[in-house]
Amino acid sequence: MRTGGVALAGTHQNNRKGLIIVIRRTLSRPTATAVVFLFGVTALTFGLLRQSGAAEAAPPKPPVVFQTKVTCCQTIELSSGGTLIATSPALPAGTYLVHATVGVVIGPNDGHVTCATAPTSVGGNDGIFGYAGNGATESGSGPDGVYGSDTIVDTWTITQPGDTIYLYCWVGNFGQGTYASEAVLAVERLGTLIQ
């Protein structure tokens, strides 16, 4: 009986080892296959990305802004034909968002002040204007005039590197002491805005 018992114990132990080997083989083959498959897919994906030229996204560039200021309390008398107020620094080729604000003092009967921007190489304007008006006939002249501001937001494309953008203003009825007292011209190159 002892021999039979030992034989049973030995058989049971052999069966257990056989069961463990079968379980190991069953689990290890699919797991190893899955690991090899995932490794292959990962390698293929990275290979295709490198081949396509795709790269990691570069951090956004800081905005590129060129600015010109005419500080307060100037007396730039405006004509009816247009008076240059400010010019940007030389610009690289590209498309720019242009912001301009001009503080004006409008004399009586001068009606209004209109301002515009344009690249120096182009001249004129594109029909986008800033406007400030004085409808009062009894306002004073000079510092006693009506205070206002012209604001312009526009876009321009610079095709010639080194070109500039200028800001100019004119008055509806010249001769009543209308002038620009301060201004800022800021041009921001599009495509450099932080997103």
Foldseek 3Di string as FASTA:
>chain_A
DVVVVVVVVVVVVVVVVVVVVVVCVVVVVVVVVVVVVVVVVVVVVVVVCVVVVHDPDDAAAAWDKWKDKDDFADFAAAAQVKDWDDKTFFAAFAKKKKKKKWKKFDFAPLFKKKKAKDWPVVDDHDPWIFMDGDPDNPAHADPRGDIDMTITIDMDGDPDGRIMMTMIMHINDPDRHMGTGIMMMMIIGPPRHRD
